C-alpha atoms as a PDB file:
ATOM      1  CA  MET A   1       0.586  11.730   2.214  1.00  0.00           C
ATOM      2  CA  LYS A   2      -2.848  12.896   3.884  1.00  0.00           C
ATOM      3  CA  LYS A   3      -5.888  11.002   3.601  1.00  0.00           C
ATOM      4  CA  ALA A   4      -8.648  13.041   1.897  1.00  0.00           C
ATOM      5  CA  ASP A   5     -11.710  10.827   1.853  1.00  0.00           C
ATOM      6  CA  THR A   6     -13.033   7.503   3.203  1.00  0.00           C
ATOM      7  CA  THR A   7     -12.391   5.419   0.165  1.00  0.00           C
ATOM      8  CA  SER A   8      -9.810   2.733   0.040  1.00  0.00           C
ATOM      9  CA  ALA A   9      -6.001   3.301  -0.838  1.00  0.00           C
ATOM     10  CA  LYS A  10      -4.541   2.268  -4.080  1.00  0.00           C
ATOM     11  CA  ASN A  11      -1.050   1.113  -5.153  1.00  0.00           C
ATOM     12  CA  LYS A  12      -0.419   1.415  -8.907  1.00  0.00           C
ATOM     13  CA  VAL A  13       2.855  -0.884  -9.551  1.00  0.00           C
ATOM     14  CA  THR A  14       4.742  -0.005 -12.990  1.00  0.00           C
ATOM     15  CA  TYR A  15       7.614  -2.317 -12.276  1.00  0.00           C
ATOM     16  CA  ILE A  16       8.759  -5.276  -9.964  1.00  0.00           C
ATOM     17  CA  GLU A  17      12.123  -6.446 -10.431  1.00  0.00           C
ATOM     18  CA  ASP A  18      12.108 -10.102 -11.867  1.00  0.00           C
ATOM     19  CA  ASP A  19       8.543 -10.580 -10.994  1.00  0.00           C
ATOM     20  CA  ARG A  20       9.320 -11.096  -7.489  1.00  0.00           C
ATOM     21  CA  ALA A  21       6.801 -10.996  -4.760  1.00  0.00           C
ATOM     22  CA  LEU A  22       6.028  -7.874  -2.839  1.00  0.00           C
ATOM     23  CA  VAL A  23       3.276  -6.781  -0.205  1.00  0.00           C
ATOM     24  CA  SER A  24       1.957  -3.374   0.407  1.00  0.00           C
ATOM     25  CA  TRP A  25      -0.283  -1.656   3.394  1.00  0.00           C
ATOM     26  CA  ILE A  26      -0.886   1.814   4.786  1.00  0.00           C
ATOM     27  CA  GLU A  27       0.043   2.747   8.207  1.00  0.00           C
ATOM     28  CA  ASN A  28      -0.404   5.798  10.524  1.00  0.00           C
ATOM     29  CA  GLN A  29       2.634   7.756  11.699  1.00  0.00           C
ATOM     30  CA  GLY A  30       2.881   5.917  14.785  1.00  0.00           C
ATOM     31  CA  GLY A  31       3.612   2.572  12.950  1.00  0.00           C
ATOM     32  CA  SER A  32       0.186   0.946  13.368  1.00  0.00           C
ATOM     33  CA  ASN A  33      -1.433  -0.712  10.317  1.00  0.00           C
ATOM     34  CA  LEU A  34      -4.578   0.783   8.778  1.00  0.00           C
ATOM     35  CA  THR A  35      -5.086  -1.448   5.894  1.00  0.00           C
ATOM     36  CA  THR A  36      -5.332  -4.857   4.884  1.00  0.00           C
ATOM     37  CA  LYS A  37      -1.942  -6.127   3.414  1.00  0.00           C
ATOM     38  CA  VAL A  38      -1.964  -6.720  -0.448  1.00  0.00           C
ATOM     39  CA  SER A  39       0.347  -9.508  -2.029  1.00  0.00           C
ATOM     40  CA  TYR A  40       1.478  -9.031  -5.684  1.00  0.00           C
ATOM     41  CA  SER A  41       4.002 -10.134  -8.011  1.00  0.00           C
ATOM     42  CA  SER A  42       3.118  -8.257 -11.290  1.00  0.00           C
ATOM     43  CA  THR A  43       2.372  -4.831 -12.377  1.00  0.00           C
ATOM     44  CA  GLY A  44      -1.091  -3.162 -11.758  1.00  0.00           C
ATOM     45  CA  SER A  45      -3.390  -1.271  -9.341  1.00  0.00           C
ATOM     46  CA  TYR A  46      -3.838  -2.926  -6.044  1.00  0.00           C
ATOM     47  CA  VAL A  47      -6.364  -1.895  -3.570  1.00  0.00           C
ATOM     48  CA  MET A  48      -5.700  -1.763   0.099  1.00  0.00           C
ATOM     49  CA  ASP A  49      -9.070  -1.593   2.168  1.00  0.00           C
ATOM     50  CA  TYR A  50      -8.948   0.226   5.612  1.00  0.00           C
ATOM     51  CA  ASP A  51      -9.746  -1.770   8.571  1.00  0.00           C
ATOM     52  CA  GLY A  52     -12.939  -0.293  10.372  1.00  0.00           C
ATOM     53  CA  ASN A  53     -14.046   3.199   9.781  1.00  0.00           C
ATOM     54  CA  ALA A  54     -11.798   5.522   7.544  1.00  0.00           C
ATOM     55  CA  SER A  55     -13.686   8.726   8.232  1.00  0.00           C
ATOM     56  CA  GLY A  56     -11.711   9.183  11.234  1.00  0.00           C
ATOM     57  CA  LEU A  57      -8.605   9.171   9.148  1.00  0.00           C
ATOM     58  CA  VAL A  58      -9.702  11.978   6.825  1.00  0.00           C
ATOM     59  CA  GLY A  59      -6.969  14.813   7.164  1.00  0.00           C
ATOM     60  CA  THR A  60      -4.199  12.504   8.674  1.00  0.00           C
ATOM     61  CA  ASP A  61      -0.828  11.788   7.441  1.00  0.00           C
ATOM     62  CA  VAL A  62      -0.394   8.107   6.352  1.00  0.00           C
ATOM     63  CA  LEU A  63       2.465   6.235   4.859  1.00  0.00           C
ATOM     64  CA  LEU A  64       2.862   3.195   2.405  1.00  0.00           C
ATOM     65  CA  ASN A  65       4.868   0.357   3.218  1.00  0.00           C
ATOM     66  CA  ILE A  66       6.304  -2.106   0.713  1.00  0.00           C
ATOM     67  CA  SER A  67       7.776  -5.431   1.925  1.00  0.00           C
ATOM     68  CA  THR A  68       9.239  -8.425   0.120  1.00  0.00           C
ATOM     69  CA  GLY A  69       6.648 -11.318  -0.011  1.00  0.00           C
ATOM     70  CA  SER A  70       7.378 -14.522   2.111  1.00  0.00           C
ATOM     71  CA  SER A  71       8.647 -16.395  -1.056  1.00  0.00           C
ATOM     72  CA  ASN A  72      11.403 -13.586  -1.924  1.00  0.00           C
ATOM     73  CA  PHE A  73      14.571 -13.679   0.133  1.00  0.00           C
ATOM     74  CA  THR A  74      16.497 -10.852  -1.741  1.00  0.00           C
ATOM     75  CA  SER A  75      15.965  -6.975  -2.247  1.00  0.00           C
ATOM     76  CA  THR A  76      13.712  -6.094  -4.665  1.00  0.00           C
ATOM     77  CA  ASP A  77      13.305  -2.698  -6.997  1.00  0.00           C
ATOM     78  CA  THR A  78       9.951  -1.471  -7.581  1.00  0.00           C
ATOM     79  CA  LYS A  79       8.435   1.465  -8.938  1.00  0.00           C
ATOM     80  CA  GLY A  80       5.010   2.911  -9.194  1.00  0.00           C
ATOM     81  CA  SER A  81       2.864   5.622  -7.303  1.00  0.00           C
ATOM     82  CA  TRP A  82       0.278   5.412  -4.730  1.00  0.00           C
ATOM     83  CA  SER A  83      -2.528   7.499  -2.980  1.00  0.00           C
ATOM     84  CA  PRO A  84      -4.146   6.943   0.353  1.00  0.00           C
ATOM     85  CA  ASP A  85      -7.553   7.442  -1.480  1.00  0.00           C
ATOM     86  CA  ASN A  86      -8.712   5.407  -4.431  1.00  0.00           C
ATOM     87  CA  PHE A  87      -9.354   7.951  -7.147  1.00  0.00           C
END
């Protein structure tokens, strides 16, 4: 997705299998992390703050990453939506 403004990113989680732990963050096309990593184990909206000045990212393509949490050693199904901006 393209970053539209300078606000934080949001991950809206509507389902996590068996309330397992996950971590999400935003990175650029080159694989560098752009936001803080956010840990969660329940549904809800989670804000990921951009490191440094997000104004230089406006108009660039960014990706959402989701990984299992350090306490989760199995694959996990999750559903939801995300935005590179906090609308």
